[in-house]
Amino acid sequence: MMKTIQLESHDQIAVLRLARGVTNAIDMEMVTELTDVLAQIAGRYRGLVLAGGPKFFSIGLDLPMLLPLDRSAMARFLDGFHEVVLGLYTLPVPTVAAISGHATAGGTILALGCDFRLIAEGKSLMGVNEIQIGLPVPFLVDLLLRQIVGDRTATQMTYTGQFLLPDTAAAAGLVDGVFPGETVEQKAMEKIAGIAASPPDAFALIKKSRIAAIEKKYRQYAASSQADFLGCWFHPEVRKLLHQAAEKY
């Protein structure tokens, strides 16, 4: 039985819903469950909608849970989390993130793994704020972000760590549409259904061409980039910033 996510079937479309409380903070259990479910989706469904809750798509990584981990345990978590994001990115069916609430830090990272992102109008925030707590944006995330929004916009986002409101995110190319909150999931279903009607083998090959270079580059530098990230994570000054951020959870 899954505790942190839910899988719903809508004919040939899967809705994978983050369901870990109000904030959907990402912990090791969620990573494990996402890994298991993603392995099942490609052979059973023609498309995927990744959804969260009405207040938070996901607040990001569960800092209170992660901070007590030693270096080896934290490395295992990062390996698992990045494999989930890469699993989303390389899934051979069309995918869309239906973002009804805030998708900050790790929440944005999960959404970047999807082919498309739709967000609720209003005050929902997106962005990667790692620099503000003394961390680099993970290498895989940087690759995905630059492919999606372009080099100059990605540089602005990663250098400042500022969160974006929906209209700004749309103007930047971070999301593909802004809709009333109650319609976001339906709009996501409609978008995926339209693409999923295409011949699946042709779609899978088109997507394979799109993701091949980034997957290869990430694999090439995964170990060294993770070592760099962990070096920052365990730096004493960064630990202070992380503990301050964890107090907001």
C-alpha atoms as a PDB file:
ATOM      1  CA  MET A   1       0.000   0.000   0.000  1.00  0.00           C
ATOM      2  CA  MET A   2       1.377   3.404  -0.989  1.00  0.00           C
ATOM      3  CA  LYS A   3       1.478   6.025   1.758  1.00  0.00           C
ATOM      4  CA  THR A   4       2.800   9.156   0.027  1.00  0.00           C
ATOM      5  CA  ILE A   5       1.370   8.962  -3.496  1.00  0.00           C
ATOM      6  CA  GLN A   6      -1.783   7.779  -5.237  1.00  0.00           C
ATOM      7  CA  LEU A   7      -2.149   6.304  -8.709  1.00  0.00           C
ATOM      8  CA  GLU A   8      -5.442   6.887 -10.498  1.00  0.00           C
ATOM      9  CA  SER A   9      -6.404   5.365 -13.846  1.00  0.00           C
ATOM     10  CA  HIS A  10      -8.398   7.375 -16.380  1.00  0.00           C
ATOM     11  CA  ASP A  11      -8.670   5.029 -19.329  1.00  0.00           C
ATOM     12  CA  GLN A  12      -5.178   5.120 -20.851  1.00  0.00           C
ATOM     13  CA  ILE A  13      -4.000   8.116 -18.803  1.00  0.00           C
ATOM     14  CA  ALA A  14      -2.435   7.744 -15.361  1.00  0.00           C
ATOM     15  CA  VAL A  15      -2.822  10.455 -12.733  1.00  0.00           C
ATOM     16  CA  LEU A  16       0.036  10.172 -10.256  1.00  0.00           C
ATOM     17  CA  ARG A  17      -0.815  12.298  -7.234  1.00  0.00           C
ATOM     18  CA  LEU A  18       1.593  13.381  -4.493  1.00  0.00           C
ATOM     19  CA  ALA A  19      -0.317  12.779  -1.266  1.00  0.00           C
ATOM     20  CA  ARG A  20       1.950  13.349   1.716  1.00  0.00           C
ATOM     21  CA  GLY A  21       0.047  15.832   3.838  1.00  0.00           C
ATOM     22  CA  VAL A  22      -0.572  19.448   2.928  1.00  0.00           C
ATOM     23  CA  THR A  23       2.949  20.293   1.736  1.00  0.00           C
ATOM     24  CA  ASN A  24       3.940  17.065  -0.051  1.00  0.00           C
ATOM     25  CA  ALA A  25       7.468  17.385   1.274  1.00  0.00           C
ATOM     26  CA  ILE A  26       9.687  14.844  -0.493  1.00  0.00           C
ATOM     27  CA  ASP A  27      11.177  12.188   1.764  1.00  0.00           C
ATOM     28  CA  MET A  28      12.841   8.824   1.127  1.00  0.00           C
ATOM     29  CA  GLU A  29       9.534   6.960   1.314  1.00  0.00           C
ATOM     30  CA  MET A  30       8.040   9.146  -1.405  1.00  0.00           C
ATOM     31  CA  VAL A  31      11.139   8.687  -3.565  1.00  0.00           C
ATOM     32  CA  THR A  32      10.906   4.910  -3.175  1.00  0.00           C
ATOM     33  CA  GLU A  33       7.207   4.847  -4.017  1.00  0.00           C
ATOM     34  CA  LEU A  34       7.648   7.117  -7.037  1.00  0.00           C
ATOM     35  CA  THR A  35      10.461   4.891  -8.289  1.00  0.00           C
ATOM     36  CA  ASP A  36       8.270   1.796  -8.057  1.00  0.00           C
ATOM     37  CA  VAL A  37       5.254   3.403  -9.747  1.00  0.00           C
ATOM     38  CA  LEU A  38       7.184   4.993 -12.612  1.00  0.00           C
ATOM     39  CA  ALA A  39       8.569   1.566 -13.464  1.00  0.00           C
ATOM     40  CA  GLN A  40       4.988   0.365 -14.025  1.00  0.00           C
ATOM     41  CA  ILE A  41       3.550   3.284 -15.972  1.00  0.00           C
ATOM     42  CA  ALA A  42       5.205   2.970 -19.383  1.00  0.00           C
ATOM     43  CA  GLY A  43       3.833  -0.489 -20.055  1.00  0.00           C
ATOM     44  CA  ARG A  44       0.315   0.229 -18.795  1.00  0.00           C
ATOM     45  CA  TYR A  45      -0.562   3.780 -19.859  1.00  0.00           C
ATOM     46  CA  ARG A  46      -0.331   6.093 -22.851  1.00  0.00           C
ATOM     47  CA  GLY A  47       0.253   9.257 -20.791  1.00  0.00           C
ATOM     48  CA  LEU A  48       0.868  10.637 -17.303  1.00  0.00           C
ATOM     49  CA  VAL A  49      -0.448  13.596 -15.306  1.00  0.00           C
ATOM     50  CA  LEU A  50       1.632  14.380 -12.210  1.00  0.00           C
ATOM     51  CA  ALA A  51      -0.478  16.237  -9.650  1.00  0.00           C
ATOM     52  CA  GLY A  52      -0.235  17.479  -6.097  1.00  0.00           C
ATOM     53  CA  GLY A  53      -2.554  19.201  -3.643  1.00  0.00           C
ATOM     54  CA  PRO A  54      -4.535  22.444  -3.870  1.00  0.00           C
ATOM     55  CA  LYS A  55      -2.146  24.359  -1.589  1.00  0.00           C
ATOM     56  CA  PHE A  56       1.153  22.688  -2.471  1.00  0.00           C
ATOM     57  CA  PHE A  57       2.106  20.667  -5.508  1.00  0.00           C
ATOM     58  CA  SER A  58       5.213  20.113  -3.383  1.00  0.00           C
ATOM     59  CA  ILE A  59       7.136  22.359  -1.022  1.00  0.00           C
ATOM     60  CA  GLY A  60      10.326  20.511  -1.963  1.00  0.00           C
ATOM     61  CA  LEU A  61      12.691  18.264  -0.045  1.00  0.00           C
ATOM     62  CA  ASP A  62      11.760  17.374   3.525  1.00  0.00           C
ATOM     63  CA  LEU A  63      14.596  19.249   5.239  1.00  0.00           C
ATOM     64  CA  PRO A  64      13.703  18.195   8.807  1.00  0.00           C
ATOM     65  CA  MET A  65      13.928  14.571   7.696  1.00  0.00           C
ATOM     66  CA  LEU A  66      17.096  15.009   5.646  1.00  0.00           C
ATOM     67  CA  LEU A  67      19.232  17.102   7.974  1.00  0.00           C
ATOM     68  CA  PRO A  68      19.953  14.291  10.489  1.00  0.00           C
ATOM     69  CA  LEU A  69      21.257  11.990   7.730  1.00  0.00           C
ATOM     70  CA  ASP A  70      24.968  11.272   7.481  1.00  0.00           C
ATOM     71  CA  ARG A  71      26.812  11.708   4.212  1.00  0.00           C
ATOM     72  CA  SER A  72      26.258   8.189   2.881  1.00  0.00           C
ATOM     73  CA  ALA A  73      22.534   8.217   3.678  1.00  0.00           C
ATOM     74  CA  MET A  74      22.144  11.653   2.101  1.00  0.00           C
ATOM     75  CA  ALA A  75      23.975  10.418  -0.996  1.00  0.00           C
ATOM     76  CA  ARG A  76      21.524   7.521  -1.281  1.00  0.00           C
ATOM     77  CA  PHE A  77      18.587   9.904  -1.011  1.00  0.00           C
ATOM     78  CA  LEU A  78      20.002  12.187  -3.705  1.00  0.00           C
ATOM     79  CA  ASP A  79      20.670   9.218  -5.981  1.00  0.00           C
ATOM     80  CA  GLY A  80      17.081   8.099  -5.585  1.00  0.00           C
ATOM     81  CA  PHE A  81      15.579  11.547  -6.048  1.00  0.00           C
ATOM     82  CA  HIS A  82      17.585  12.294  -9.178  1.00  0.00           C
ATOM     83  CA  GLU A  83      16.655   8.894 -10.617  1.00  0.00           C
ATOM     84  CA  VAL A  84      12.974   9.734 -10.066  1.00  0.00           C
ATOM     85  CA  VAL A  85      13.389  13.034 -11.916  1.00  0.00           C
ATOM     86  CA  LEU A  86      15.320  11.308 -14.696  1.00  0.00           C
ATOM     87  CA  GLY A  87      12.696   8.561 -14.760  1.00  0.00           C
ATOM     88  CA  LEU A  88       9.986  11.150 -15.332  1.00  0.00           C
ATOM     89  CA  TYR A  89      12.083  12.897 -17.963  1.00  0.00           C
ATOM     90  CA  THR A  90      12.818   9.717 -19.914  1.00  0.00           C
ATOM     91  CA  LEU A  91       9.386   8.089 -19.572  1.00  0.00           C
ATOM     92  CA  PRO A  92       8.431   7.126 -23.157  1.00  0.00           C
ATOM     93  CA  VAL A  93       4.904   8.558 -22.873  1.00  0.00           C
ATOM     94  CA  PRO A  94       3.767  12.213 -22.749  1.00  0.00           C
ATOM     95  CA  THR A  95       3.764  13.737 -19.271  1.00  0.00           C
ATOM     96  CA  VAL A  96       2.409  16.932 -17.765  1.00  0.00           C
ATOM     97  CA  ALA A  97       2.636  18.419 -14.271  1.00  0.00           C
ATOM     98  CA  ALA A  98      -0.708  19.809 -13.077  1.00  0.00           C
ATOM     99  CA  ILE A  99       0.347  22.419 -10.524  1.00  0.00           C
ATOM    100  CA  SER A 100      -2.588  23.600  -8.442  1.00  0.00           C
ATOM    101  CA  GLY A 101      -0.495  25.058  -5.600  1.00  0.00           C
ATOM    102  CA  HIS A 102       3.077  26.072  -4.813  1.00  0.00           C
ATOM    103  CA  ALA A 103       5.841  24.040  -6.485  1.00  0.00           C
ATOM    104  CA  THR A 104       8.996  25.311  -4.842  1.00  0.00           C
ATOM    105  CA  ALA A 105      12.565  23.975  -4.953  1.00  0.00           C
ATOM    106  CA  GLY A 106      12.207  20.176  -5.165  1.00  0.00           C
ATOM    107  CA  GLY A 107       8.603  20.648  -6.259  1.00  0.00           C
ATOM    108  CA  THR A 108       9.759  22.622  -9.284  1.00  0.00           C
ATOM    109  CA  ILE A 109      12.415  19.982  -9.881  1.00  0.00           C
ATOM    110  CA  LEU A 110       9.804  17.218 -10.112  1.00  0.00           C
ATOM    111  CA  ALA A 111       7.759  19.357 -12.501  1.00  0.00           C
ATOM    112  CA  LEU A 112      10.832  19.932 -14.693  1.00  0.00           C
ATOM    113  CA  GLY A 113      10.951  16.189 -15.297  1.00  0.00           C
ATOM    114  CA  CYS A 114       7.631  16.395 -17.157  1.00  0.00           C
ATOM    115  CA  ASP A 115       7.203  17.322 -20.817  1.00  0.00           C
ATOM    116  CA  PHE A 116       4.759  20.120 -19.945  1.00  0.00           C
ATOM    117  CA  ARG A 117       3.724  22.138 -16.895  1.00  0.00           C
ATOM    118  CA  LEU A 118       0.326  23.770 -16.296  1.00  0.00           C
ATOM    119  CA  ILE A 119      -0.216  25.977 -13.242  1.00  0.00           C
ATOM    120  CA  ALA A 120      -3.126  27.528 -11.370  1.00  0.00           C
ATOM    121  CA  GLU A 121      -3.573  31.264 -11.699  1.00  0.00           C
ATOM    122  CA  GLY A 122      -3.128  33.419  -8.613  1.00  0.00           C
ATOM    123  CA  LYS A 123      -0.270  33.243  -6.142  1.00  0.00           C
ATOM    124  CA  SER A 124       1.198  29.781  -6.734  1.00  0.00           C
ATOM    125  CA  LEU A 125       4.997  30.020  -6.734  1.00  0.00           C
ATOM    126  CA  MET A 126       7.654  28.127  -8.685  1.00  0.00           C
ATOM    127  CA  GLY A 127      11.424  28.295  -8.722  1.00  0.00           C
ATOM    128  CA  VAL A 128      14.731  26.890  -7.533  1.00  0.00           C
ATOM    129  CA  ASN A 129      15.971  28.785  -4.465  1.00  0.00           C
ATOM    130  CA  GLU A 130      19.009  26.639  -3.638  1.00  0.00           C
ATOM    131  CA  ILE A 131      21.442  29.557  -3.845  1.00  0.00           C
ATOM    132  CA  GLN A 132      19.589  31.280  -0.999  1.00  0.00           C
ATOM    133  CA  ILE A 133      20.390  28.423   1.368  1.00  0.00           C
ATOM    134  CA  GLY A 134      23.973  27.975   0.214  1.00  0.00           C
ATOM    135  CA  LEU A 135      23.452  25.086  -2.207  1.00  0.00           C
ATOM    136  CA  PRO A 136      24.120  24.713  -5.922  1.00  0.00           C
ATOM    137  CA  VAL A 137      21.266  23.775  -8.212  1.00  0.00           C
ATOM    138  CA  PRO A 138      21.841  20.049  -8.855  1.00  0.00           C
ATOM    139  CA  PHE A 139      23.510  19.328 -12.182  1.00  0.00           C
ATOM    140  CA  LEU A 140      20.559  17.422 -13.640  1.00  0.00           C
ATOM    141  CA  VAL A 141      18.210  20.238 -12.686  1.00  0.00           C
ATOM    142  CA  ASP A 142      20.444  22.827 -14.323  1.00  0.00           C
ATOM    143  CA  LEU A 143      20.473  20.781 -17.540  1.00  0.00           C
ATOM    144  CA  LEU A 144      16.686  20.440 -17.585  1.00  0.00           C
ATOM    145  CA  LEU A 145      16.060  24.072 -16.728  1.00  0.00           C
ATOM    146  CA  ARG A 146      18.329  25.363 -19.504  1.00  0.00           C
ATOM    147  CA  GLN A 147      16.647  23.099 -22.051  1.00  0.00           C
ATOM    148  CA  ILE A 148      13.201  24.341 -21.003  1.00  0.00           C
ATOM    149  CA  VAL A 149      13.657  28.094 -20.486  1.00  0.00           C
ATOM    150  CA  GLY A 150      16.954  28.809 -22.231  1.00  0.00           C
ATOM    151  CA  ASP A 151      20.352  29.777 -20.902  1.00  0.00           C
ATOM    152  CA  ARG A 152      19.740  33.431 -19.975  1.00  0.00           C
ATOM    153  CA  THR A 153      16.506  32.817 -18.087  1.00  0.00           C
ATOM    154  CA  ALA A 154      17.959  29.757 -16.331  1.00  0.00           C
ATOM    155  CA  THR A 155      20.982  31.791 -15.310  1.00  0.00           C
ATOM    156  CA  GLN A 156      18.762  34.492 -13.833  1.00  0.00           C
ATOM    157  CA  MET A 157      16.691  31.913 -11.955  1.00  0.00           C
ATOM    158  CA  THR A 158      19.615  29.936 -10.547  1.00  0.00           C
ATOM    159  CA  TYR A 159      21.779  32.947  -9.683  1.00  0.00           C
ATOM    160  CA  THR A 160      19.011  34.729  -7.747  1.00  0.00           C
ATOM    161  CA  GLY A 161      16.897  31.867  -6.426  1.00  0.00           C
ATOM    162  CA  GLN A 162      13.766  33.977  -6.787  1.00  0.00           C
ATOM    163  CA  PHE A 163      10.352  32.340  -6.977  1.00  0.00           C
ATOM    164  CA  LEU A 164       8.070  33.192  -9.887  1.00  0.00           C
ATOM    165  CA  LEU A 165       4.338  33.857  -9.919  1.00  0.00           C
ATOM    166  CA  PRO A 166       2.293  32.039 -12.594  1.00  0.00           C
ATOM    167  CA  ASP A 167       2.213  34.779 -15.239  1.00  0.00           C
ATOM    168  CA  THR A 168       5.942  35.404 -14.847  1.00  0.00           C
ATOM    169  CA  ALA A 169       6.626  31.675 -15.033  1.00  0.00           C
ATOM    170  CA  ALA A 170       4.589  31.486 -18.235  1.00  0.00           C
ATOM    171  CA  ALA A 171       6.427  34.454 -19.770  1.00  0.00           C
ATOM    172  CA  ALA A 172       9.731  32.754 -18.919  1.00  0.00           C
ATOM    173  CA  GLY A 173       8.639  29.506 -20.580  1.00  0.00           C
ATOM    174  CA  LEU A 174       8.735  27.607 -17.297  1.00  0.00           C
ATOM    175  CA  VAL A 175       5.054  26.674 -17.615  1.00  0.00           C
ATOM    176  CA  ASP A 176       2.927  26.060 -20.686  1.00  0.00           C
ATOM    177  CA  GLY A 177      -0.348  27.487 -19.459  1.00  0.00           C
ATOM    178  CA  VAL A 178      -2.054  29.313 -16.577  1.00  0.00           C
ATOM    179  CA  PHE A 179      -5.611  28.312 -15.712  1.00  0.00           C
ATOM    180  CA  PRO A 180      -8.179  28.677 -12.925  1.00  0.00           C
ATOM    181  CA  GLY A 181      -7.156  26.318 -10.140  1.00  0.00           C
ATOM    182  CA  GLU A 182     -10.198  24.071 -10.383  1.00  0.00           C
ATOM    183  CA  THR A 183      -9.518  23.405 -14.083  1.00  0.00           C
ATOM    184  CA  VAL A 184      -5.774  22.716 -14.048  1.00  0.00           C
ATOM    185  CA  GLU A 185      -5.999  18.929 -13.807  1.00  0.00           C
ATOM    186  CA  GLN A 186      -8.705  18.732 -16.462  1.00  0.00           C
ATOM    187  CA  LYS A 187      -6.636  20.906 -18.800  1.00  0.00           C
ATOM    188  CA  ALA A 188      -3.671  18.611 -18.143  1.00  0.00           C
ATOM    189  CA  MET A 189      -5.776  15.557 -18.946  1.00  0.00           C
ATOM    190  CA  GLU A 190      -6.949  17.135 -22.187  1.00  0.00           C
ATOM    191  CA  LYS A 191      -3.409  18.028 -23.245  1.00  0.00           C
ATOM    192  CA  ILE A 192      -2.074  14.548 -22.584  1.00  0.00           C
ATOM    193  CA  ALA A 193      -5.048  12.815 -24.190  1.00  0.00           C
ATOM    194  CA  GLY A 194      -4.472  14.745 -27.398  1.00  0.00           C
ATOM    195  CA  ILE A 195      -0.818  13.755 -27.607  1.00  0.00           C
ATOM    196  CA  ALA A 196      -1.425  10.198 -26.406  1.00  0.00           C
ATOM    197  CA  ALA A 197      -3.708   9.650 -29.401  1.00  0.00           C
ATOM    198  CA  SER A 198      -0.606   9.715 -31.625  1.00  0.00           C
ATOM    199  CA  PRO A 199       1.094   6.414 -32.550  1.00  0.00           C
ATOM    200  CA  PRO A 200       2.983   5.475 -29.354  1.00  0.00           C
ATOM    201  CA  ASP A 201       6.119   4.092 -31.013  1.00  0.00           C
ATOM    202  CA  ALA A 202       6.621   7.255 -33.014  1.00  0.00           C
ATOM    203  CA  PHE A 203       6.107   9.406 -29.931  1.00  0.00           C
ATOM    204  CA  ALA A 204       8.585   7.339 -27.906  1.00  0.00           C
ATOM    205  CA  LEU A 205      11.262   7.749 -30.578  1.00  0.00           C
ATOM    206  CA  ILE A 206      10.666  11.497 -30.841  1.00  0.00           C
ATOM    207  CA  LYS A 207      11.003  11.821 -27.083  1.00  0.00           C
ATOM    208  CA  LYS A 208      14.092   9.608 -27.074  1.00  0.00           C
ATOM    209  CA  SER A 209      15.784  12.056 -29.450  1.00  0.00           C
ATOM    210  CA  ARG A 210      14.795  14.997 -27.253  1.00  0.00           C
ATOM    211  CA  ILE A 211      16.158  13.552 -23.998  1.00  0.00           C
ATOM    212  CA  ALA A 212      19.215  11.605 -25.200  1.00  0.00           C
ATOM    213  CA  ALA A 213      21.867  14.321 -24.910  1.00  0.00           C
ATOM    214  CA  ILE A 214      20.846  15.449 -21.438  1.00  0.00           C
ATOM    215  CA  GLU A 215      20.587  11.912 -20.100  1.00  0.00           C
ATOM    216  CA  LYS A 216      24.066  11.125 -21.444  1.00  0.00           C
ATOM    217  CA  LYS A 217      25.607  14.290 -20.019  1.00  0.00           C
ATOM    218  CA  TYR A 218      24.020  13.752 -16.624  1.00  0.00           C
ATOM    219  CA  ARG A 219      25.292  10.173 -16.449  1.00  0.00           C
ATOM    220  CA  GLN A 220      28.767  11.386 -17.335  1.00  0.00           C
ATOM    221  CA  TYR A 221      28.968  13.905 -14.497  1.00  0.00           C
ATOM    222  CA  ALA A 222      26.494  12.498 -11.943  1.00  0.00           C
ATOM    223  CA  ALA A 223      29.082  11.270  -9.445  1.00  0.00           C
ATOM    224  CA  SER A 224      31.300  14.368  -9.458  1.00  0.00           C
ATOM    225  CA  SER A 225      28.386  16.801  -9.366  1.00  0.00           C
ATOM    226  CA  GLN A 226      26.804  14.959  -6.447  1.00  0.00           C
ATOM    227  CA  ALA A 227      30.097  15.041  -4.521  1.00  0.00           C
ATOM    228  CA  ASP A 228      30.178  18.812  -5.039  1.00  0.00           C
ATOM    229  CA  PHE A 229      26.580  19.147  -3.836  1.00  0.00           C
ATOM    230  CA  LEU A 230      27.278  17.073  -0.723  1.00  0.00           C
ATOM    231  CA  GLY A 231      30.332  19.186   0.018  1.00  0.00           C
ATOM    232  CA  CYS A 232      28.071  22.227   0.225  1.00  0.00           C
ATOM    233  CA  TRP A 233      25.298  20.375   2.072  1.00  0.00           C
ATOM    234  CA  PHE A 234      27.639  19.466   4.928  1.00  0.00           C
ATOM    235  CA  HIS A 235      29.490  22.794   5.083  1.00  0.00           C
ATOM    236  CA  PRO A 236      28.996  24.304   8.590  1.00  0.00           C
ATOM    237  CA  GLU A 237      27.728  27.668   7.319  1.00  0.00           C
ATOM    238  CA  VAL A 238      25.290  26.010   4.938  1.00  0.00           C
ATOM    239  CA  ARG A 239      24.031  23.757   7.732  1.00  0.00           C
ATOM    240  CA  LYS A 240      22.996  26.868   9.642  1.00  0.00           C
ATOM    241  CA  LEU A 241      21.001  28.126   6.668  1.00  0.00           C
ATOM    242  CA  LEU A 242      19.414  24.707   6.157  1.00  0.00           C
ATOM    243  CA  HIS A 243      18.328  24.508   9.787  1.00  0.00           C
ATOM    244  CA  GLN A 244      16.819  27.983   9.513  1.00  0.00           C
ATOM    245  CA  ALA A 245      14.911  26.901   6.415  1.00  0.00           C
ATOM    246  CA  ALA A 246      13.765  23.701   8.135  1.00  0.00           C
ATOM    247  CA  GLU A 247      12.113  25.729  10.881  1.00  0.00           C
ATOM    248  CA  LYS A 248       9.518  26.904   8.322  1.00  0.00           C
ATOM    249  CA  TYR A 249       8.228  23.356   7.768  1.00  0.00           C
END
